[in-house]
Amino acid sequence: HVLEAMGLPDRVIDGALRISFSRYSTQEEAAYFLQRLQAAAE
């Protein structure tokens, strides 16, 4: 309902992901996430 209230297009809402970090999150993890997200999209 948050993204809908922002008036975003349906295609954007339906493809949305929330990434959230903590004190334990690392750059290595972020790079791995990017790599695997790119691979999934392809």
PDB file of all heavy atoms in Angstrom:
ATOM      1  N   HIS A   1       0.835  -1.206   0.000  1.00  0.00           N
ATOM      2  CA  HIS A   1       0.000   0.000   0.000  1.00  0.00           C
ATOM      3  C   HIS A   1       0.870   1.256   0.000  1.00  0.00           C
ATOM      4  O   HIS A   1       0.420   2.318  -0.432  1.00  0.00           O
ATOM      5  CB  HIS A   1      -0.938   0.003   1.203  1.00  0.00           C
ATOM      6  CG  HIS A   1      -0.247   0.173   2.524  1.00  0.00           C
ATOM      7  ND1 HIS A   1       0.316  -0.863   3.216  1.00  0.00           N
ATOM      8  CD2 HIS A   1      -0.022   1.288   3.282  1.00  0.00           C
ATOM      9  CE1 HIS A   1       0.857  -0.418   4.339  1.00  0.00           C
ATOM     10  NE2 HIS A   1       0.674   0.881   4.405  1.00  0.00           N
ATOM     11  N   VAL A   2       2.110   1.129   0.462  1.00  0.00           N
ATOM     12  CA  VAL A   2       3.021   2.277   0.485  1.00  0.00           C
ATOM     13  C   VAL A   2       3.382   2.686  -0.942  1.00  0.00           C
ATOM     14  O   VAL A   2       3.287   3.865  -1.313  1.00  0.00           O
ATOM     15  CB  VAL A   2       4.304   1.935   1.283  1.00  0.00           C
ATOM     16  CG1 VAL A   2       5.330   3.057   1.149  1.00  0.00           C
ATOM     17  CG2 VAL A   2       3.960   1.690   2.749  1.00  0.00           C
ATOM     18  N   LEU A   3       3.792   1.729  -1.750  1.00  0.00           N
ATOM     19  CA  LEU A   3       4.175   2.039  -3.123  1.00  0.00           C
ATOM     20  C   LEU A   3       2.965   2.473  -3.951  1.00  0.00           C
ATOM     21  O   LEU A   3       3.090   3.325  -4.837  1.00  0.00           O
ATOM     22  CB  LEU A   3       4.864   0.829  -3.761  1.00  0.00           C
ATOM     23  CG  LEU A   3       6.114   0.314  -3.025  1.00  0.00           C
ATOM     24  CD1 LEU A   3       6.783  -0.786  -3.836  1.00  0.00           C
ATOM     25  CD2 LEU A   3       7.096   1.434  -2.719  1.00  0.00           C
ATOM     26  N   GLU A   4       1.813   1.921  -3.651  1.00  0.00           N
ATOM     27  CA  GLU A   4       0.594   2.362  -4.334  1.00  0.00           C
ATOM     28  C   GLU A   4       0.277   3.813  -3.987  1.00  0.00           C
ATOM     29  O   GLU A   4      -0.098   4.603  -4.868  1.00  0.00           O
ATOM     30  CB  GLU A   4      -0.580   1.462  -3.963  1.00  0.00           C
ATOM     31  CG  GLU A   4      -0.523   0.078  -4.586  1.00  0.00           C
ATOM     32  CD  GLU A   4      -1.733  -0.768  -4.259  1.00  0.00           C
ATOM     33  OE1 GLU A   4      -2.295  -0.601  -3.158  1.00  0.00           O
ATOM     34  OE2 GLU A   4      -2.117  -1.602  -5.095  1.00  0.00           O
ATOM     35  N   ALA A   5       0.433   4.163  -2.713  1.00  0.00           N
ATOM     36  CA  ALA A   5       0.152   5.534  -2.282  1.00  0.00           C
ATOM     37  C   ALA A   5       1.111   6.529  -2.926  1.00  0.00           C
ATOM     38  O   ALA A   5       0.765   7.705  -3.119  1.00  0.00           O
ATOM     39  CB  ALA A   5       0.240   5.634  -0.761  1.00  0.00           C
ATOM     40  N   MET A   6       2.316   6.078  -3.261  1.00  0.00           N
ATOM     41  CA  MET A   6       3.285   6.943  -3.926  1.00  0.00           C
ATOM     42  C   MET A   6       2.947   7.166  -5.399  1.00  0.00           C
ATOM     43  O   MET A   6       3.593   7.960  -6.084  1.00  0.00           O
ATOM     44  CB  MET A   6       4.689   6.344  -3.801  1.00  0.00           C
ATOM     45  CG  MET A   6       5.240   6.376  -2.382  1.00  0.00           C
ATOM     46  SD  MET A   6       6.778   5.412  -2.180  1.00  0.00           S
ATOM     47  CE  MET A   6       7.901   6.320  -3.256  1.00  0.00           C
ATOM     48  N   GLY A   7       1.938   6.446  -5.895  1.00  0.00           N
ATOM     49  CA  GLY A   7       1.503   6.622  -7.271  1.00  0.00           C
ATOM     50  C   GLY A   7       2.424   5.987  -8.296  1.00  0.00           C
ATOM     51  O   GLY A   7       2.436   6.411  -9.465  1.00  0.00           O
ATOM     52  N   LEU A   8       3.171   4.965  -7.898  1.00  0.00           N
ATOM     53  CA  LEU A   8       4.106   4.323  -8.819  1.00  0.00           C
ATOM     54  C   LEU A   8       3.356   3.447  -9.821  1.00  0.00           C
ATOM     55  O   LEU A   8       2.304   2.892  -9.509  1.00  0.00           O
ATOM     56  CB  LEU A   8       5.108   3.470  -8.046  1.00  0.00           C
ATOM     57  CG  LEU A   8       6.013   4.230  -7.062  1.00  0.00           C
ATOM     58  CD1 LEU A   8       6.894   3.250  -6.297  1.00  0.00           C
ATOM     59  CD2 LEU A   8       6.874   5.243  -7.798  1.00  0.00           C
ATOM     60  N   PRO A   9       3.886   3.288 -11.016  1.00  0.00           N
ATOM     61  CA  PRO A   9       3.256   2.417 -12.007  1.00  0.00           C
ATOM     62  C   PRO A   9       3.182   0.972 -11.515  1.00  0.00           C
ATOM     63  O   PRO A   9       4.026   0.523 -10.728  1.00  0.00           O
ATOM     64  CB  PRO A   9       4.185   2.529 -13.226  1.00  0.00           C
ATOM     65  CG  PRO A   9       4.929   3.807 -13.027  1.00  0.00           C
ATOM     66  CD  PRO A   9       5.090   3.963 -11.547  1.00  0.00           C
ATOM     67  N   ASP A  10       2.200   0.240 -12.011  1.00  0.00           N
ATOM     68  CA  ASP A  10       2.020  -1.150 -11.591  1.00  0.00           C
ATOM     69  C   ASP A  10       3.271  -1.976 -11.844  1.00  0.00           C
ATOM     70  O   ASP A  10       3.641  -2.833 -11.026  1.00  0.00           O
ATOM     71  CB  ASP A  10       0.832  -1.769 -12.332  1.00  0.00           C
ATOM     72  CG  ASP A  10      -0.503  -1.200 -11.869  1.00  0.00           C
ATOM     73  OD1 ASP A  10      -0.531  -0.525 -10.821  1.00  0.00           O
ATOM     74  OD2 ASP A  10      -1.512  -1.444 -12.557  1.00  0.00           O
ATOM     75  N   ARG A  11       3.927  -1.758 -12.979  1.00  0.00           N
ATOM     76  CA  ARG A  11       5.117  -2.538 -13.317  1.00  0.00           C
ATOM     77  C   ARG A  11       6.230  -2.327 -12.294  1.00  0.00           C
ATOM     78  O   ARG A  11       6.982  -3.255 -11.977  1.00  0.00           O
ATOM     79  CB  ARG A  11       5.621  -2.150 -14.711  1.00  0.00           C
ATOM     80  CG  ARG A  11       4.835  -2.772 -15.848  1.00  0.00           C
ATOM     81  CD  ARG A  11       5.179  -2.116 -17.179  1.00  0.00           C
ATOM     82  NE  ARG A  11       6.613  -2.046 -17.420  1.00  0.00           N
ATOM     83  CZ  ARG A  11       7.348  -3.022 -17.940  1.00  0.00           C
ATOM     84  NH1 ARG A  11       6.764  -4.164 -18.272  1.00  0.00           N
ATOM     85  NH2 ARG A  11       8.642  -2.871 -18.147  1.00  0.00           N
ATOM     86  N   VAL A  12       6.336  -1.123 -11.778  1.00  0.00           N
ATOM     87  CA  VAL A  12       7.354  -0.830 -10.770  1.00  0.00           C
ATOM     88  C   VAL A  12       6.995  -1.500  -9.444  1.00  0.00           C
ATOM     89  O   VAL A  12       7.847  -2.125  -8.794  1.00  0.00           O
ATOM     90  CB  VAL A  12       7.523   0.691 -10.587  1.00  0.00           C
ATOM     91  CG1 VAL A  12       8.456   0.993  -9.413  1.00  0.00           C
ATOM     92  CG2 VAL A  12       8.046   1.324 -11.866  1.00  0.00           C
ATOM     93  N   ILE A  13       5.741  -1.391  -9.048  1.00  0.00           N
ATOM     94  CA  ILE A  13       5.308  -1.998  -7.788  1.00  0.00           C
ATOM     95  C   ILE A  13       5.468  -3.511  -7.832  1.00  0.00           C
ATOM     96  O   ILE A  13       5.969  -4.130  -6.883  1.00  0.00           O
ATOM     97  CB  ILE A  13       3.838  -1.628  -7.483  1.00  0.00           C
ATOM     98  CG1 ILE A  13       3.695  -0.119  -7.289  1.00  0.00           C
ATOM     99  CG2 ILE A  13       3.341  -2.375  -6.247  1.00  0.00           C
ATOM    100  CD1 ILE A  13       2.261   0.349  -7.111  1.00  0.00           C
ATOM    101  N   ASP A  14       5.075  -4.111  -8.928  1.00  0.00           N
ATOM    102  CA  ASP A  14       5.098  -5.576  -9.024  1.00  0.00           C
ATOM    103  C   ASP A  14       6.510  -6.137  -9.090  1.00  0.00           C
ATOM    104  O   ASP A  14       6.719  -7.324  -8.830  1.00  0.00           O
ATOM    105  CB  ASP A  14       4.308  -6.022 -10.257  1.00  0.00           C
ATOM    106  CG  ASP A  14       2.816  -5.766 -10.108  1.00  0.00           C
ATOM    107  OD1 ASP A  14       2.360  -5.612  -8.961  1.00  0.00           O
ATOM    108  OD2 ASP A  14       2.118  -5.698 -11.136  1.00  0.00           O
ATOM    109  N   GLY A  15       7.492  -5.299  -9.428  1.00  0.00           N
ATOM    110  CA  GLY A  15       8.874  -5.764  -9.479  1.00  0.00           C
ATOM    111  C   GLY A  15       9.728  -5.237  -8.343  1.00  0.00           C
ATOM    112  O   GLY A  15      10.966  -5.295  -8.418  1.00  0.00           O
ATOM    113  N   ALA A  16       9.093  -4.753  -7.279  1.00  0.00           N
ATOM    114  CA  ALA A  16       9.825  -4.089  -6.195  1.00  0.00           C
ATOM    115  C   ALA A  16      10.452  -5.075  -5.216  1.00  0.00           C
ATOM    116  O   ALA A  16       9.891  -6.127  -4.913  1.00  0.00           O
ATOM    117  CB  ALA A  16       8.900  -3.144  -5.445  1.00  0.00           C
ATOM    118  N   LEU A  17      11.627  -4.708  -4.712  1.00  0.00           N
ATOM    119  CA  LEU A  17      12.317  -5.433  -3.649  1.00  0.00           C
ATOM    120  C   LEU A  17      12.765  -4.443  -2.583  1.00  0.00           C
ATOM    121  O   LEU A  17      13.156  -3.321  -2.903  1.00  0.00           O
ATOM    122  CB  LEU A  17      13.552  -6.162  -4.193  1.00  0.00           C
ATOM    123  CG  LEU A  17      13.336  -7.285  -5.206  1.00  0.00           C
ATOM    124  CD1 LEU A  17      14.681  -7.775  -5.721  1.00  0.00           C
ATOM    125  CD2 LEU A  17      12.551  -8.434  -4.587  1.00  0.00           C
ATOM    126  N   ARG A  18      12.704  -4.860  -1.330  1.00  0.00           N
ATOM    127  CA  ARG A  18      13.234  -4.047  -0.231  1.00  0.00           C
ATOM    128  C   ARG A  18      14.497  -4.710   0.289  1.00  0.00           C
ATOM    129  O   ARG A  18      14.483  -5.861   0.727  1.00  0.00           O
ATOM    130  CB  ARG A  18      12.215  -3.908   0.903  1.00  0.00           C
ATOM    131  CG  ARG A  18      12.741  -3.060   2.060  1.00  0.00           C
ATOM    132  CD  ARG A  18      11.775  -3.019   3.233  1.00  0.00           C
ATOM    133  NE  ARG A  18      11.645  -4.312   3.885  1.00  0.00           N
ATOM    134  CZ  ARG A  18      10.893  -4.535   4.969  1.00  0.00           C
ATOM    135  NH1 ARG A  18      10.182  -3.551   5.471  1.00  0.00           N
ATOM    136  NH2 ARG A  18      10.813  -5.734   5.510  1.00  0.00           N
ATOM    137  N   ILE A  19      15.583  -3.963   0.254  1.00  0.00           N
ATOM    138  CA  ILE A  19      16.868  -4.420   0.767  1.00  0.00           C
ATOM    139  C   ILE A  19      17.142  -3.639   2.045  1.00  0.00           C
ATOM    140  O   ILE A  19      17.097  -2.405   2.035  1.00  0.00           O
ATOM    141  CB  ILE A  19      18.006  -4.148  -0.252  1.00  0.00           C
ATOM    142  CG1 ILE A  19      17.561  -4.481  -1.679  1.00  0.00           C
ATOM    143  CG2 ILE A  19      19.266  -4.884   0.146  1.00  0.00           C
ATOM    144  CD1 ILE A  19      17.077  -5.883  -1.874  1.00  0.00           C
ATOM    145  N   SER A  20      17.429  -4.328   3.129  1.00  0.00           N
ATOM    146  CA  SER A  20      17.644  -3.605   4.392  1.00  0.00           C
ATOM    147  C   SER A  20      18.816  -4.211   5.153  1.00  0.00           C
ATOM    148  O   SER A  20      18.987  -5.422   5.205  1.00  0.00           O
ATOM    149  CB  SER A  20      16.375  -3.601   5.249  1.00  0.00           C
ATOM    150  OG  SER A  20      15.802  -4.893   5.354  1.00  0.00           O
ATOM    151  N   PHE A  21      19.605  -3.332   5.742  1.00  0.00           N
ATOM    152  CA  PHE A  21      20.896  -3.690   6.312  1.00  0.00           C
ATOM    153  C   PHE A  21      20.885  -3.605   7.846  1.00  0.00           C
ATOM    154  O   PHE A  21      20.007  -2.993   8.452  1.00  0.00           O
ATOM    155  CB  PHE A  21      21.980  -2.757   5.769  1.00  0.00           C
ATOM    156  CG  PHE A  21      21.932  -2.575   4.282  1.00  0.00           C
ATOM    157  CD1 PHE A  21      21.437  -1.401   3.715  1.00  0.00           C
ATOM    158  CD2 PHE A  21      22.356  -3.587   3.438  1.00  0.00           C
ATOM    159  CE1 PHE A  21      21.383  -1.239   2.341  1.00  0.00           C
ATOM    160  CE2 PHE A  21      22.302  -3.435   2.066  1.00  0.00           C
ATOM    161  CZ  PHE A  21      21.815  -2.249   1.516  1.00  0.00           C
ATOM    162  N   SER A  22      21.917  -4.200   8.439  1.00  0.00           N
ATOM    163  CA  SER A  22      22.129  -4.106   9.883  1.00  0.00           C
ATOM    164  C   SER A  22      23.618  -3.897  10.134  1.00  0.00           C
ATOM    165  O   SER A  22      24.421  -3.803   9.208  1.00  0.00           O
ATOM    166  CB  SER A  22      21.666  -5.383  10.592  1.00  0.00           C
ATOM    167  OG  SER A  22      22.631  -6.418  10.462  1.00  0.00           O
ATOM    168  N   ARG A  23      24.003  -3.900  11.388  1.00  0.00           N
ATOM    169  CA  ARG A  23      25.403  -3.743  11.764  1.00  0.00           C
ATOM    170  C   ARG A  23      26.261  -4.888  11.222  1.00  0.00           C
ATOM    171  O   ARG A  23      27.478  -4.777  11.135  1.00  0.00           O
ATOM    172  CB  ARG A  23      25.547  -3.640  13.281  1.00  0.00           C
ATOM    173  CG  ARG A  23      25.181  -4.919  14.032  1.00  0.00           C
ATOM    174  CD  ARG A  23      25.199  -4.725  15.546  1.00  0.00           C
ATOM    175  NE  ARG A  23      26.503  -4.306  16.026  1.00  0.00           N
ATOM    176  CZ  ARG A  23      27.471  -5.150  16.383  1.00  0.00           C
ATOM    177  NH1 ARG A  23      27.295  -6.456  16.268  1.00  0.00           N
ATOM    178  NH2 ARG A  23      28.606  -4.696  16.831  1.00  0.00           N
ATOM    179  N   TYR A  24      25.645  -6.001  10.880  1.00  0.00           N
ATOM    180  CA  TYR A  24      26.392  -7.164  10.418  1.00  0.00           C
ATOM    181  C   TYR A  24      26.565  -7.201   8.898  1.00  0.00           C
ATOM    182  O   TYR A  24      27.283  -8.059   8.381  1.00  0.00           O
ATOM    183  CB  TYR A  24      25.679  -8.446  10.868  1.00  0.00           C
ATOM    184  CG  TYR A  24      25.597  -8.592  12.369  1.00  0.00           C
ATOM    185  CD1 TYR A  24      24.383  -8.464  13.032  1.00  0.00           C
ATOM    186  CD2 TYR A  24      26.742  -8.839  13.121  1.00  0.00           C
ATOM    187  CE1 TYR A  24      24.301  -8.588  14.419  1.00  0.00           C
ATOM    188  CE2 TYR A  24      26.671  -8.974  14.500  1.00  0.00           C
ATOM    189  CZ  TYR A  24      25.448  -8.838  15.144  1.00  0.00           C
ATOM    190  OH  TYR A  24      25.378  -8.961  16.509  1.00  0.00           O
ATOM    191  N   SER A  25      25.909  -6.322   8.165  1.00  0.00           N
ATOM    192  CA  SER A  25      25.963  -6.351   6.703  1.00  0.00           C
ATOM    193  C   SER A  25      27.343  -5.902   6.208  1.00  0.00           C
ATOM    194  O   SER A  25      27.963  -5.013   6.792  1.00  0.00           O
ATOM    195  CB  SER A  25      24.874  -5.444   6.125  1.00  0.00           C
ATOM    196  OG  SER A  25      23.592  -5.829   6.586  1.00  0.00           O
ATOM    197  N   THR A  26      27.788  -6.503   5.096  1.00  0.00           N
ATOM    198  CA  THR A  26      29.131  -6.228   4.593  1.00  0.00           C
ATOM    199  C   THR A  26      29.110  -5.870   3.109  1.00  0.00           C
ATOM    200  O   THR A  26      28.151  -6.178   2.391  1.00  0.00           O
ATOM    201  CB  THR A  26      30.050  -7.445   4.781  1.00  0.00           C
ATOM    202  OG1 THR A  26      29.599  -8.507   3.921  1.00  0.00           O
ATOM    203  CG2 THR A  26      30.052  -7.923   6.222  1.00  0.00           C
ATOM    204  N   GLN A  27      30.209  -5.262   2.663  1.00  0.00           N
ATOM    205  CA  GLN A  27      30.377  -4.939   1.250  1.00  0.00           C
ATOM    206  C   GLN A  27      30.427  -6.215   0.405  1.00  0.00           C
ATOM    207  O   GLN A  27      29.903  -6.252  -0.715  1.00  0.00           O
ATOM    208  CB  GLN A  27      31.657  -4.118   1.051  1.00  0.00           C
ATOM    209  CG  GLN A  27      31.945  -3.743  -0.394  1.00  0.00           C
ATOM    210  CD  GLN A  27      30.906  -2.823  -0.984  1.00  0.00           C
ATOM    211  OE1 GLN A  27      30.468  -1.885  -0.335  1.00  0.00           O
ATOM    212  NE2 GLN A  27      30.506  -3.082  -2.227  1.00  0.00           N
ATOM    213  N   GLU A  28      31.053  -7.246   0.926  1.00  0.00           N
ATOM    214  CA  GLU A  28      31.121  -8.519   0.209  1.00  0.00           C
ATOM    215  C   GLU A  28      29.713  -9.067  -0.053  1.00  0.00           C
ATOM    216  O   GLU A  28      29.416  -9.577  -1.149  1.00  0.00           O
ATOM    217  CB  GLU A  28      31.940  -9.530   1.012  1.00  0.00           C
ATOM    218  CG  GLU A  28      32.099 -10.872   0.324  1.00  0.00           C
ATOM    219  CD  GLU A  28      32.847 -11.878   1.197  1.00  0.00           C
ATOM    220  OE1 GLU A  28      33.038 -11.612   2.397  1.00  0.00           O
ATOM    221  OE2 GLU A  28      33.228 -12.941   0.657  1.00  0.00           O
ATOM    222  N   GLU A  29      28.847  -8.956   0.940  1.00  0.00           N
ATOM    223  CA  GLU A  29      27.468  -9.417   0.778  1.00  0.00           C
ATOM    224  C   GLU A  29      26.726  -8.576  -0.255  1.00  0.00           C
ATOM    225  O   GLU A  29      25.954  -9.106  -1.069  1.00  0.00           O
ATOM    226  CB  GLU A  29      26.747  -9.365   2.122  1.00  0.00           C
ATOM    227  CG  GLU A  29      27.232 -10.382   3.132  1.00  0.00           C
ATOM    228  CD  GLU A  29      26.574 -10.231   4.483  1.00  0.00           C
ATOM    229  OE1 GLU A  29      26.095  -9.111   4.798  1.00  0.00           O
ATOM    230  OE2 GLU A  29      26.526 -11.222   5.236  1.00  0.00           O
ATOM    231  N   ALA A  30      26.950  -7.270  -0.224  1.00  0.00           N
ATOM    232  CA  ALA A  30      26.285  -6.384  -1.182  1.00  0.00           C
ATOM    233  C   ALA A  30      26.720  -6.723  -2.609  1.00  0.00           C
ATOM    234  O   ALA A  30      25.901  -6.750  -3.538  1.00  0.00           O
ATOM    235  CB  ALA A  30      26.599  -4.927  -0.861  1.00  0.00           C
ATOM    236  N   ALA A  31      28.015  -6.989  -2.806  1.00  0.00           N
ATOM    237  CA  ALA A  31      28.521  -7.337  -4.138  1.00  0.00           C
ATOM    238  C   ALA A  31      27.941  -8.669  -4.603  1.00  0.00           C
ATOM    239  O   ALA A  31      27.588  -8.830  -5.788  1.00  0.00           O
ATOM    240  CB  ALA A  31      30.047  -7.391  -4.110  1.00  0.00           C
ATOM    241  N   TYR A  32      27.835  -9.618  -3.688  1.00  0.00           N
ATOM    242  CA  TYR A  32      27.249 -10.924  -4.024  1.00  0.00           C
ATOM    243  C   TYR A  32      25.775 -10.768  -4.394  1.00  0.00           C
ATOM    244  O   TYR A  32      25.291 -11.364  -5.368  1.00  0.00           O
ATOM    245  CB  TYR A  32      27.415 -11.876  -2.849  1.00  0.00           C
ATOM    246  CG  TYR A  32      26.821 -13.247  -3.070  1.00  0.00           C
ATOM    247  CD1 TYR A  32      27.373 -14.125  -3.996  1.00  0.00           C
ATOM    248  CD2 TYR A  32      25.716 -13.665  -2.337  1.00  0.00           C
ATOM    249  CE1 TYR A  32      26.820 -15.392  -4.192  1.00  0.00           C
ATOM    250  CE2 TYR A  32      25.163 -14.919  -2.524  1.00  0.00           C
ATOM    251  CZ  TYR A  32      25.713 -15.783  -3.459  1.00  0.00           C
ATOM    252  OH  TYR A  32      25.173 -17.030  -3.653  1.00  0.00           O
ATOM    253  N   PHE A  33      25.051  -9.959  -3.627  1.00  0.00           N
ATOM    254  CA  PHE A  33      23.644  -9.701  -3.941  1.00  0.00           C
ATOM    255  C   PHE A  33      23.497  -9.115  -5.340  1.00  0.00           C
ATOM    256  O   PHE A  33      22.652  -9.559  -6.127  1.00  0.00           O
ATOM    257  CB  PHE A  33      23.044  -8.741  -2.907  1.00  0.00           C
ATOM    258  CG  PHE A  33      21.750  -8.122  -3.351  1.00  0.00           C
ATOM    259  CD1 PHE A  33      20.560  -8.830  -3.299  1.00  0.00           C
ATOM    260  CD2 PHE A  33      21.718  -6.818  -3.850  1.00  0.00           C
ATOM    261  CE1 PHE A  33      19.366  -8.272  -3.737  1.00  0.00           C
ATOM    262  CE2 PHE A  33      20.532  -6.248  -4.284  1.00  0.00           C
ATOM    263  CZ  PHE A  33      19.355  -6.977  -4.227  1.00  0.00           C
ATOM    264  N   LEU A  34      24.299  -8.123  -5.669  1.00  0.00           N
ATOM    265  CA  LEU A  34      24.233  -7.503  -6.988  1.00  0.00           C
ATOM    266  C   LEU A  34      24.510  -8.533  -8.087  1.00  0.00           C
ATOM    267  O   LEU A  34      23.794  -8.585  -9.100  1.00  0.00           O
ATOM    268  CB  LEU A  34      25.235  -6.352  -7.080  1.00  0.00           C
ATOM    269  CG  LEU A  34      25.369  -5.678  -8.456  1.00  0.00           C
ATOM    270  CD1 LEU A  34      24.048  -5.057  -8.880  1.00  0.00           C
ATOM    271  CD2 LEU A  34      26.476  -4.623  -8.407  1.00  0.00           C
ATOM    272  N   GLN A  35      25.512  -9.350  -7.880  1.00  0.00           N
ATOM    273  CA  GLN A  35      25.868 -10.371  -8.872  1.00  0.00           C
ATOM    274  C   GLN A  35      24.718 -11.342  -9.102  1.00  0.00           C
ATOM    275  O   GLN A  35      24.357 -11.661 -10.239  1.00  0.00           O
ATOM    276  CB  GLN A  35      27.103 -11.134  -8.386  1.00  0.00           C
ATOM    277  CG  GLN A  35      27.528 -12.260  -9.311  1.00  0.00           C
ATOM    278  CD  GLN A  35      28.544 -13.184  -8.641  1.00  0.00           C
ATOM    279  OE1 GLN A  35      28.313 -13.673  -7.531  1.00  0.00           O
ATOM    280  NE2 GLN A  35      29.671 -13.403  -9.305  1.00  0.00           N
ATOM    281  N   ARG A  36      24.107 -11.816  -8.026  1.00  0.00           N
ATOM    282  CA  ARG A  36      23.043 -12.807  -8.150  1.00  0.00           C
ATOM    283  C   ARG A  36      21.746 -12.172  -8.653  1.00  0.00           C
ATOM    284  O   ARG A  36      20.972 -12.831  -9.357  1.00  0.00           O
ATOM    285  CB  ARG A  36      22.801 -13.513  -6.814  1.00  0.00           C
ATOM    286  CG  ARG A  36      23.993 -14.259  -6.241  1.00  0.00           C
ATOM    287  CD  ARG A  36      24.838 -14.958  -7.295  1.00  0.00           C
ATOM    288  NE  ARG A  36      24.072 -15.911  -8.077  1.00  0.00           N
ATOM    289  CZ  ARG A  36      24.444 -16.396  -9.255  1.00  0.00           C
ATOM    290  NH1 ARG A  36      25.576 -15.990  -9.814  1.00  0.00           N
ATOM    291  NH2 ARG A  36      23.686 -17.268  -9.892  1.00  0.00           N
ATOM    292  N   LEU A  37      21.489 -10.906  -8.305  1.00  0.00           N
ATOM    293  CA  LEU A  37      20.304 -10.230  -8.840  1.00  0.00           C
ATOM    294  C   LEU A  37      20.439 -10.050 -10.349  1.00  0.00           C
ATOM    295  O   LEU A  37      19.489 -10.262 -11.106  1.00  0.00           O
ATOM    296  CB  LEU A  37      20.111  -8.875  -8.153  1.00  0.00           C
ATOM    297  CG  LEU A  37      18.894  -8.053  -8.625  1.00  0.00           C
ATOM    298  CD1 LEU A  37      17.593  -8.789  -8.308  1.00  0.00           C
ATOM    299  CD2 LEU A  37      18.887  -6.667  -7.972  1.00  0.00           C
ATOM    300  N   GLN A  38      21.623  -9.659 -10.792  1.00  0.00           N
ATOM    301  CA  GLN A  38      21.878  -9.498 -12.224  1.00  0.00           C
ATOM    302  C   GLN A  38      21.725 -10.836 -12.944  1.00  0.00           C
ATOM    303  O   GLN A  38      21.113 -10.917 -14.022  1.00  0.00           O
ATOM    304  CB  GLN A  38      23.281  -8.935 -12.442  1.00  0.00           C
ATOM    305  CG  GLN A  38      23.620  -8.630 -13.897  1.00  0.00           C
ATOM    306  CD  GLN A  38      25.006  -8.022 -14.031  1.00  0.00           C
ATOM    307  OE1 GLN A  38      25.814  -8.074 -13.104  1.00  0.00           O
ATOM    308  NE2 GLN A  38      25.284  -7.426 -15.183  1.00  0.00           N
ATOM    309  N   ALA A  39      22.247 -11.898 -12.347  1.00  0.00           N
ATOM    310  CA  ALA A  39      22.132 -13.222 -12.959  1.00  0.00           C
ATOM    311  C   ALA A  39      20.673 -13.665 -13.030  1.00  0.00           C
ATOM    312  O   ALA A  39      20.241 -14.249 -14.040  1.00  0.00           O
ATOM    313  CB  ALA A  39      22.955 -14.233 -12.153  1.00  0.00           C
ATOM    314  N   ALA A  40      19.910 -13.384 -11.972  1.00  0.00           N
ATOM    315  CA  ALA A  40      18.495 -13.755 -11.971  1.00  0.00           C
ATOM    316  C   ALA A  40      17.737 -13.010 -13.057  1.00  0.00           C
ATOM    317  O   ALA A  40      16.907 -13.595 -13.767  1.00  0.00           O
ATOM    318  CB  ALA A  40      17.881 -13.469 -10.597  1.00  0.00           C
ATOM    319  N   ALA A  41      18.012 -11.714 -13.194  1.00  0.00           N
ATOM    320  CA  ALA A  41      17.337 -10.917 -14.209  1.00  0.00           C
ATOM    321  C   ALA A  41      17.661 -11.431 -15.613  1.00  0.00           C
ATOM    322  O   ALA A  41      16.770 -11.534 -16.472  1.00  0.00           O
ATOM    323  CB  ALA A  41      17.749  -9.453 -14.074  1.00  0.00           C
ATOM    324  N   GLU A  42      18.914 -11.773 -15.851  1.00  0.00           N
ATOM    325  CA  GLU A  42      19.309 -12.273 -17.172  1.00  0.00           C
ATOM    326  C   GLU A  42      18.696 -13.642 -17.448  1.00  0.00           C
ATOM    327  O   GLU A  42      18.264 -13.935 -18.571  1.00  0.00           O
ATOM    328  CB  GLU A  42      20.832 -12.342 -17.259  1.00  0.00           C
ATOM    329  CG  GLU A  42      21.495 -10.985 -17.265  1.00  0.00           C
ATOM    330  CD  GLU A  42      23.021 -11.081 -17.221  1.00  0.00           C
ATOM    331  OE1 GLU A  42      23.529 -12.210 -17.026  1.00  0.00           O
ATOM    332  OE2 GLU A  42      23.687 -10.039 -17.396  1.00  0.00           O
TER     333      GLU A  42
END
